[in-house]
Amino acid sequence: MAIYFGNGRPWGAVAQHEFRRMARDARNINHYRVQYAAIGWADRDGHASFQAGELAAILADKHGKPLSKQSTTGAVSRAKALDLVSPQSSAACLVLPRHLFQKEKGAPVLCRVHKDRQ
């Protein structure tokens, strides 16, 4: 699958490991950290799946305390409202739309949340 964002639309690459680091950095605002986590853990189809409580742990506060379920859900909701992640996103699976993220390599992995994939 070739990466294609449209004719005349510039694009660049990102270091996913850096987005994972930024997602864990409590100095950043939580809804942006949600987007960073989506980018950092996204598979070839733009899905970033997490086990129960895993995203909350990634978004831990500066003392290492995971976010509450309510705060995690709120951060994901705010990220969706700002179009930082797809409306399909949840704490279990953050989804990036194809106009924002594409990845050429990597095996497709079945998403336990989004069976149909977008």
N, C-alpha and C. Protein backbone atom coordinates (compact mmCIF):
# COMPACT_ATOMS: atom_id res chain seq x y z
N MET A 1 0.85 -1.17 0.00
CA MET A 1 0.00 0.00 0.00
C MET A 1 0.89 1.23 0.00
N ALA A 2 0.76 2.06 -0.98
CA ALA A 2 1.55 3.30 -1.05
C ALA A 2 0.86 4.39 -0.24
N ILE A 3 1.65 5.26 0.33
CA ILE A 3 1.11 6.38 1.09
C ILE A 3 0.66 7.46 0.12
N TYR A 4 -0.59 7.91 0.26
CA TYR A 4 -1.12 8.92 -0.64
C TYR A 4 -2.08 9.83 0.12
N PHE A 5 -1.77 11.10 0.19
CA PHE A 5 -2.62 12.08 0.84
C PHE A 5 -3.33 12.97 -0.17
N GLY A 6 -3.13 12.77 -1.44
CA GLY A 6 -3.77 13.57 -2.47
C GLY A 6 -2.75 14.36 -3.26
N ASN A 7 -3.09 14.68 -4.50
CA ASN A 7 -2.19 15.45 -5.36
C ASN A 7 -1.87 16.81 -4.76
N GLY A 8 -0.60 17.15 -4.75
CA GLY A 8 -0.18 18.46 -4.26
C GLY A 8 -0.27 18.65 -2.77
N ARG A 9 -0.55 17.61 -2.02
CA ARG A 9 -0.63 17.73 -0.56
C ARG A 9 0.68 17.23 0.05
N PRO A 10 1.45 18.13 0.61
CA PRO A 10 2.73 17.70 1.19
C PRO A 10 2.51 16.83 2.43
N TRP A 11 3.47 15.96 2.68
CA TRP A 11 3.42 15.13 3.87
C TRP A 11 4.84 14.82 4.31
N GLY A 12 4.97 14.39 5.53
CA GLY A 12 6.26 14.02 6.09
C GLY A 12 6.08 12.81 7.00
N ALA A 13 7.16 12.31 7.51
CA ALA A 13 7.13 11.14 8.38
C ALA A 13 7.33 11.58 9.83
N VAL A 14 6.93 10.72 10.75
CA VAL A 14 7.13 10.98 12.18
C VAL A 14 7.84 9.79 12.81
N ALA A 15 8.49 10.04 13.92
CA ALA A 15 9.11 8.97 14.71
C ALA A 15 8.09 8.55 15.77
N GLN A 16 7.49 7.38 15.58
CA GLN A 16 6.45 6.95 16.51
C GLN A 16 6.97 6.84 17.94
N HIS A 17 8.23 6.46 18.12
CA HIS A 17 8.75 6.35 19.48
C HIS A 17 8.76 7.71 20.18
N GLU A 18 8.93 8.79 19.44
CA GLU A 18 8.90 10.13 20.04
C GLU A 18 7.47 10.51 20.44
N PHE A 19 6.49 10.10 19.64
CA PHE A 19 5.10 10.38 20.01
C PHE A 19 4.70 9.56 21.23
N ARG A 20 5.25 8.37 21.39
CA ARG A 20 5.00 7.59 22.61
C ARG A 20 5.58 8.32 23.83
N ARG A 21 6.76 8.88 23.66
CA ARG A 21 7.39 9.63 24.76
C ARG A 21 6.54 10.85 25.10
N MET A 22 6.10 11.59 24.09
CA MET A 22 5.30 12.80 24.33
C MET A 22 3.95 12.46 24.97
N ALA A 23 3.37 11.31 24.61
CA ALA A 23 2.10 10.88 25.20
C ALA A 23 2.26 10.65 26.70
N ARG A 24 3.43 10.19 27.12
CA ARG A 24 3.68 9.91 28.54
C ARG A 24 4.11 11.15 29.34
N ASP A 25 4.36 12.24 28.65
CA ASP A 25 4.86 13.47 29.29
C ASP A 25 3.70 14.27 29.89
N ALA A 26 3.60 14.26 31.21
CA ALA A 26 2.50 14.92 31.92
C ALA A 26 2.50 16.43 31.78
N ARG A 27 3.55 17.01 31.22
CA ARG A 27 3.57 18.46 31.00
C ARG A 27 2.65 18.85 29.85
N ASN A 28 2.32 17.89 28.98
CA ASN A 28 1.44 18.16 27.85
C ASN A 28 -0.02 18.06 28.27
N ILE A 29 -0.89 18.73 27.54
CA ILE A 29 -2.33 18.72 27.81
C ILE A 29 -2.90 17.36 27.41
N ASN A 30 -3.78 16.82 28.24
CA ASN A 30 -4.25 15.44 28.06
C ASN A 30 -4.86 15.16 26.69
N HIS A 31 -5.66 16.06 26.14
CA HIS A 31 -6.28 15.72 24.85
C HIS A 31 -5.22 15.66 23.74
N TYR A 32 -4.14 16.43 23.87
CA TYR A 32 -3.05 16.29 22.90
C TYR A 32 -2.27 15.01 23.17
N ARG A 33 -2.15 14.62 24.41
CA ARG A 33 -1.48 13.38 24.74
C ARG A 33 -2.23 12.19 24.16
N VAL A 34 -3.56 12.31 24.10
CA VAL A 34 -4.36 11.26 23.46
C VAL A 34 -3.99 11.15 21.98
N GLN A 35 -3.89 12.28 21.30
CA GLN A 35 -3.47 12.25 19.90
C GLN A 35 -2.06 11.69 19.76
N TYR A 36 -1.16 12.10 20.64
CA TYR A 36 0.21 11.59 20.59
C TYR A 36 0.22 10.06 20.76
N ALA A 37 -0.62 9.56 21.68
CA ALA A 37 -0.70 8.11 21.89
C ALA A 37 -1.26 7.43 20.63
N ALA A 38 -2.25 8.05 20.03
CA ALA A 38 -2.82 7.47 18.80
C ALA A 38 -1.75 7.36 17.72
N ILE A 39 -0.98 8.41 17.54
CA ILE A 39 0.08 8.39 16.53
C ILE A 39 1.20 7.43 16.93
N GLY A 40 1.58 7.45 18.19
CA GLY A 40 2.70 6.63 18.66
C GLY A 40 2.45 5.14 18.58
N TRP A 41 1.22 4.72 18.80
CA TRP A 41 0.92 3.29 18.82
C TRP A 41 0.10 2.84 17.60
N ALA A 42 -0.15 3.72 16.64
CA ALA A 42 -0.98 3.37 15.48
C ALA A 42 -0.36 2.26 14.65
N ASP A 43 -1.22 1.36 14.23
CA ASP A 43 -0.78 0.31 13.31
C ASP A 43 -0.96 0.80 11.88
N ARG A 44 -0.79 -0.09 10.95
CA ARG A 44 -0.87 0.28 9.53
C ARG A 44 -2.22 0.89 9.16
N ASP A 45 -3.28 0.51 9.85
CA ASP A 45 -4.61 1.01 9.56
C ASP A 45 -5.01 2.21 10.41
N GLY A 46 -4.08 2.75 11.19
CA GLY A 46 -4.37 3.92 12.00
C GLY A 46 -5.09 3.63 13.31
N HIS A 47 -5.08 2.38 13.73
CA HIS A 47 -5.70 2.00 14.99
C HIS A 47 -4.62 1.78 16.05
N ALA A 48 -4.85 2.32 17.22
CA ALA A 48 -3.95 2.11 18.36
C ALA A 48 -4.77 1.47 19.48
N SER A 49 -4.66 0.16 19.62
CA SER A 49 -5.45 -0.58 20.61
C SER A 49 -4.72 -0.66 21.94
N PHE A 50 -5.49 -0.57 23.01
CA PHE A 50 -4.93 -0.61 24.36
C PHE A 50 -5.73 -1.58 25.22
N GLN A 51 -5.04 -2.25 26.12
CA GLN A 51 -5.70 -3.11 27.10
C GLN A 51 -6.40 -2.22 28.13
N ALA A 52 -7.28 -2.79 28.92
CA ALA A 52 -8.01 -2.04 29.93
C ALA A 52 -7.02 -1.33 30.86
N GLY A 53 -7.18 -0.04 31.02
CA GLY A 53 -6.33 0.75 31.91
C GLY A 53 -5.00 1.18 31.32
N GLU A 54 -4.65 0.66 30.16
CA GLU A 54 -3.34 0.97 29.57
C GLU A 54 -3.22 2.43 29.15
N LEU A 55 -4.26 2.97 28.49
CA LEU A 55 -4.20 4.38 28.09
C LEU A 55 -4.17 5.27 29.33
N ALA A 56 -4.92 4.94 30.35
CA ALA A 56 -4.90 5.71 31.61
C ALA A 56 -3.50 5.73 32.21
N ALA A 57 -2.79 4.62 32.13
CA ALA A 57 -1.42 4.55 32.64
C ALA A 57 -0.47 5.39 31.79
N ILE A 58 -0.66 5.38 30.48
CA ILE A 58 0.16 6.21 29.59
C ILE A 58 -0.05 7.68 29.92
N LEU A 59 -1.29 8.05 30.22
CA LEU A 59 -1.64 9.44 30.52
C LEU A 59 -1.48 9.79 32.00
N ALA A 60 -0.69 9.02 32.71
CA ALA A 60 -0.49 9.22 34.15
C ALA A 60 -0.05 10.65 34.46
N ASP A 61 -0.36 11.09 35.69
CA ASP A 61 0.04 12.44 36.10
C ASP A 61 1.55 12.49 36.39
N LYS A 62 2.03 13.64 36.79
CA LYS A 62 3.49 13.81 36.98
C LYS A 62 4.05 12.94 38.10
N HIS A 63 3.17 12.38 38.94
CA HIS A 63 3.61 11.49 40.01
C HIS A 63 3.50 10.01 39.61
N GLY A 64 3.07 9.77 38.38
CA GLY A 64 2.95 8.41 37.90
C GLY A 64 1.61 7.75 38.19
N LYS A 65 0.65 8.52 38.73
CA LYS A 65 -0.67 7.97 39.03
C LYS A 65 -1.51 7.97 37.75
N PRO A 66 -2.01 6.79 37.35
CA PRO A 66 -2.85 6.72 36.13
C PRO A 66 -4.08 7.61 36.26
N LEU A 67 -4.54 8.11 35.13
CA LEU A 67 -5.77 8.89 35.14
C LEU A 67 -6.93 8.00 35.54
N SER A 68 -7.96 8.60 36.12
CA SER A 68 -9.17 7.85 36.42
C SER A 68 -9.86 7.50 35.11
N LYS A 69 -10.77 6.56 35.17
CA LYS A 69 -11.52 6.18 33.97
C LYS A 69 -12.28 7.39 33.43
N GLN A 70 -12.85 8.18 34.32
CA GLN A 70 -13.61 9.36 33.92
C GLN A 70 -12.70 10.39 33.24
N SER A 71 -11.53 10.63 33.79
CA SER A 71 -10.60 11.60 33.20
C SER A 71 -10.06 11.11 31.86
N THR A 72 -9.82 9.81 31.75
CA THR A 72 -9.34 9.24 30.49
C THR A 72 -10.42 9.39 29.42
N THR A 73 -11.66 9.05 29.77
CA THR A 73 -12.77 9.20 28.83
C THR A 73 -12.94 10.66 28.43
N GLY A 74 -12.79 11.58 29.39
CA GLY A 74 -12.89 13.00 29.09
C GLY A 74 -11.81 13.48 28.14
N ALA A 75 -10.59 13.00 28.34
CA ALA A 75 -9.48 13.39 27.45
C ALA A 75 -9.72 12.87 26.03
N VAL A 76 -10.23 11.65 25.91
CA VAL A 76 -10.54 11.10 24.59
C VAL A 76 -11.68 11.88 23.95
N SER A 77 -12.70 12.21 24.73
CA SER A 77 -13.83 12.99 24.20
C SER A 77 -13.39 14.35 23.71
N ARG A 78 -12.52 15.01 24.45
CA ARG A 78 -12.03 16.32 24.04
C ARG A 78 -11.18 16.20 22.77
N ALA A 79 -10.36 15.16 22.68
CA ALA A 79 -9.56 14.94 21.48
C ALA A 79 -10.47 14.71 20.27
N LYS A 80 -11.57 13.98 20.47
CA LYS A 80 -12.51 13.76 19.37
C LYS A 80 -13.19 15.07 18.98
N ALA A 81 -13.58 15.88 19.97
CA ALA A 81 -14.25 17.16 19.70
C ALA A 81 -13.34 18.11 18.91
N LEU A 82 -12.04 18.00 19.12
CA LEU A 82 -11.07 18.84 18.41
C LEU A 82 -10.57 18.19 17.12
N ASP A 83 -11.15 17.07 16.73
CA ASP A 83 -10.76 16.33 15.53
C ASP A 83 -9.30 15.89 15.56
N LEU A 84 -8.78 15.63 16.75
CA LEU A 84 -7.42 15.12 16.89
C LEU A 84 -7.37 13.62 16.63
N VAL A 85 -8.49 12.95 16.90
CA VAL A 85 -8.67 11.52 16.62
C VAL A 85 -10.07 11.34 16.04
N SER A 86 -10.32 10.21 15.45
CA SER A 86 -11.61 9.91 14.82
C SER A 86 -12.72 9.79 15.86
N PRO A 87 -13.96 10.12 15.47
CA PRO A 87 -15.10 9.93 16.37
C PRO A 87 -15.28 8.48 16.82
N GLN A 88 -14.69 7.53 16.10
CA GLN A 88 -14.76 6.11 16.48
C GLN A 88 -13.88 5.78 17.68
N SER A 89 -13.05 6.70 18.10
CA SER A 89 -12.06 6.43 19.14
C SER A 89 -12.69 6.23 20.51
N SER A 90 -11.99 5.43 21.30
CA SER A 90 -12.33 5.21 22.71
C SER A 90 -11.02 4.92 23.44
N ALA A 91 -11.09 4.78 24.74
CA ALA A 91 -9.88 4.46 25.50
C ALA A 91 -9.33 3.08 25.11
N ALA A 92 -10.18 2.23 24.55
CA ALA A 92 -9.74 0.90 24.13
C ALA A 92 -9.04 0.92 22.78
N CYS A 93 -9.41 1.86 21.91
CA CYS A 93 -8.79 1.95 20.59
C CYS A 93 -8.92 3.37 20.06
N LEU A 94 -7.79 4.02 19.91
CA LEU A 94 -7.75 5.35 19.31
C LEU A 94 -7.59 5.17 17.81
N VAL A 95 -8.36 5.92 17.04
CA VAL A 95 -8.35 5.77 15.59
C VAL A 95 -7.95 7.09 14.95
N LEU A 96 -7.02 7.01 14.02
CA LEU A 96 -6.61 8.18 13.24
C LEU A 96 -7.21 8.08 11.85
N PRO A 97 -7.84 9.16 11.36
CA PRO A 97 -8.39 9.12 10.01
C PRO A 97 -7.27 9.09 8.97
N ARG A 98 -7.57 8.53 7.80
CA ARG A 98 -6.56 8.36 6.74
C ARG A 98 -6.03 9.70 6.23
N HIS A 99 -6.80 10.78 6.34
CA HIS A 99 -6.28 12.07 5.88
C HIS A 99 -5.23 12.61 6.83
N LEU A 100 -5.13 12.02 8.02
CA LEU A 100 -4.17 12.46 9.02
C LEU A 100 -2.99 11.50 9.17
N PHE A 101 -3.22 10.21 9.01
CA PHE A 101 -2.16 9.22 9.27
C PHE A 101 -2.27 8.06 8.30
N GLN A 102 -1.14 7.68 7.75
CA GLN A 102 -1.03 6.47 6.94
C GLN A 102 0.33 5.85 7.24
N LYS A 103 0.37 4.56 7.16
CA LYS A 103 1.61 3.84 7.43
C LYS A 103 1.72 2.72 6.41
N GLU A 104 2.85 2.67 5.72
CA GLU A 104 2.99 1.70 4.64
C GLU A 104 3.30 0.30 5.14
N LYS A 105 4.08 0.20 6.18
CA LYS A 105 4.56 -1.11 6.61
C LYS A 105 3.87 -1.56 7.89
N GLY A 106 3.97 -2.83 8.12
CA GLY A 106 3.42 -3.42 9.32
C GLY A 106 2.27 -4.34 8.97
N ALA A 107 2.20 -5.42 9.66
CA ALA A 107 1.13 -6.38 9.40
C ALA A 107 -0.19 -5.84 9.94
N PRO A 108 -1.28 -6.05 9.22
CA PRO A 108 -2.57 -5.65 9.76
C PRO A 108 -2.88 -6.50 10.99
N VAL A 109 -3.37 -5.86 12.01
CA VAL A 109 -3.69 -6.54 13.25
C VAL A 109 -5.19 -6.38 13.48
N LEU A 110 -5.87 -7.48 13.80
CA LEU A 110 -7.29 -7.38 14.05
C LEU A 110 -7.54 -6.50 15.26
N CYS A 111 -8.45 -5.56 15.11
CA CYS A 111 -8.81 -4.67 16.21
C CYS A 111 -9.96 -5.30 16.96
N ARG A 112 -9.80 -5.51 18.25
CA ARG A 112 -10.86 -6.14 19.04
C ARG A 112 -12.05 -5.22 19.22
N VAL A 113 -11.87 -3.92 19.00
CA VAL A 113 -12.95 -2.95 19.16
C VAL A 113 -13.67 -2.69 17.84
N HIS A 114 -12.91 -2.46 16.79
CA HIS A 114 -13.48 -2.12 15.48
C HIS A 114 -13.29 -3.30 14.54
N LYS A 115 -14.20 -4.21 14.57
CA LYS A 115 -14.09 -5.45 13.77
C LYS A 115 -14.04 -5.17 12.28
N ASP A 116 -14.74 -4.12 11.82
CA ASP A 116 -14.83 -3.85 10.40
C ASP A 116 -13.66 -3.05 9.86
N ARG A 117 -12.92 -2.41 10.71
CA ARG A 117 -11.85 -1.50 10.29
C ARG A 117 -12.43 -0.46 9.34
N GLN A 118 -11.88 0.74 9.36
CA GLN A 118 -12.45 1.76 8.48
C GLN A 118 -11.88 1.73 7.11
